[in-house]
Amino acid sequence: MLGYEKMIQKLSNCNFKQIQKDRRKLGLSLVLGGCGTTLEELTSLFSAFANNGVLSCHLLPRMIKLSRK
C-alpha cells in the first residue's frame, strides 16, 4: 500500500503546487479530493497512462491571451 504520506510526496514531486502549500494539513481526506489541483496538473498526471506510465513535464513556451472582439 502507498499510504497518504508517500502519496503526498509523489504528488509533490509531480509539481502539484497546492499540495506543496497544504502538505502539513493534508491527511486521509486527500483521497476524497481534500486538496485542490489545476486542470493542467491533472491532465499532466493522467497523460502518464497514455505514455506507458512515464510522466513527462511539458512546459508551455509562453502564454497567449486571447481576446474577443
Protein backbone atom coordinates (compact mmCIF):
# COMPACT_ATOMS: atom_id res chain seq x y z
CA MET A 1 0.00 0.00 0.00
CA LEU A 2 1.16 3.50 -0.78
CA GLY A 3 -0.03 5.39 2.31
CA TYR A 4 -1.02 9.03 2.35
CA GLU A 5 2.43 10.35 3.30
CA LYS A 6 4.04 8.67 0.29
CA MET A 7 1.13 9.78 -1.90
CA ILE A 8 1.63 13.39 -0.82
CA GLN A 9 5.34 13.07 -1.61
CA LYS A 10 4.65 11.57 -5.05
CA LEU A 11 2.17 14.31 -5.96
CA SER A 12 4.55 16.94 -4.62
CA ASN A 13 7.27 15.51 -6.86
CA CYS A 14 4.86 15.95 -9.79
CA ASN A 15 4.75 19.71 -9.05
CA PHE A 16 1.23 19.83 -7.63
CA LYS A 17 1.52 23.33 -6.20
CA GLN A 18 -1.49 23.25 -3.85
CA ILE A 19 -0.27 20.01 -2.31
CA GLN A 20 3.11 21.59 -1.70
CA LYS A 21 1.37 24.50 0.08
CA ASP A 22 -1.02 22.37 2.19
CA ARG A 23 1.38 19.50 2.82
CA ARG A 24 1.28 19.77 6.63
CA LYS A 25 -2.53 19.93 6.79
CA LEU A 26 -3.29 17.03 4.45
CA GLY A 27 -4.32 13.66 5.75
CA LEU A 28 -6.66 10.90 4.69
CA SER A 29 -9.04 13.48 3.19
CA LEU A 30 -6.61 13.66 0.26
CA VAL A 31 -8.11 10.50 -1.26
CA LEU A 32 -11.56 12.10 -1.18
CA GLY A 33 -10.43 15.22 -3.00
CA GLY A 34 -9.40 17.20 0.07
CA CYS A 35 -6.83 19.23 -1.85
CA GLY A 36 -7.23 21.42 -4.89
CA THR A 37 -5.43 20.97 -8.19
CA THR A 38 -5.45 22.73 -11.52
CA LEU A 39 -6.62 21.24 -14.78
CA GLU A 40 -3.05 21.45 -16.08
CA GLU A 41 -1.76 19.40 -13.13
CA LEU A 42 -4.43 16.74 -13.55
CA THR A 43 -4.03 16.35 -17.31
CA SER A 44 -0.27 16.17 -16.90
CA LEU A 45 -0.63 13.36 -14.38
CA PHE A 46 -3.26 11.45 -16.39
CA SER A 47 -1.09 11.69 -19.53
CA ALA A 48 1.21 9.15 -17.88
CA PHE A 49 -1.45 6.47 -18.53
CA ALA A 50 -1.11 7.04 -22.27
CA ASN A 51 2.68 7.25 -22.03
CA ASN A 52 3.29 3.75 -20.60
CA GLY A 53 3.39 5.05 -17.02
CA VAL A 54 6.00 7.72 -17.70
CA LEU A 55 5.26 11.24 -16.50
CA SER A 56 6.92 13.94 -18.55
CA CYS A 57 6.64 17.63 -17.87
CA HIS A 58 5.58 19.75 -20.78
CA LEU A 59 6.15 23.43 -20.35
CA LEU A 60 4.42 25.99 -22.46
CA PRO A 61 6.92 28.37 -24.05
CA ARG A 62 4.61 31.30 -23.35
CA MET A 63 1.02 32.05 -22.54
CA ILE A 64 -1.12 33.57 -25.26
CA LYS A 65 -4.01 35.73 -24.15
CA LEU A 66 -6.98 35.61 -26.49
CA SER A 67 -9.40 38.49 -26.63
CA ARG A 68 -12.90 38.54 -28.02
CA LYS A 69 -13.76 41.28 -30.46
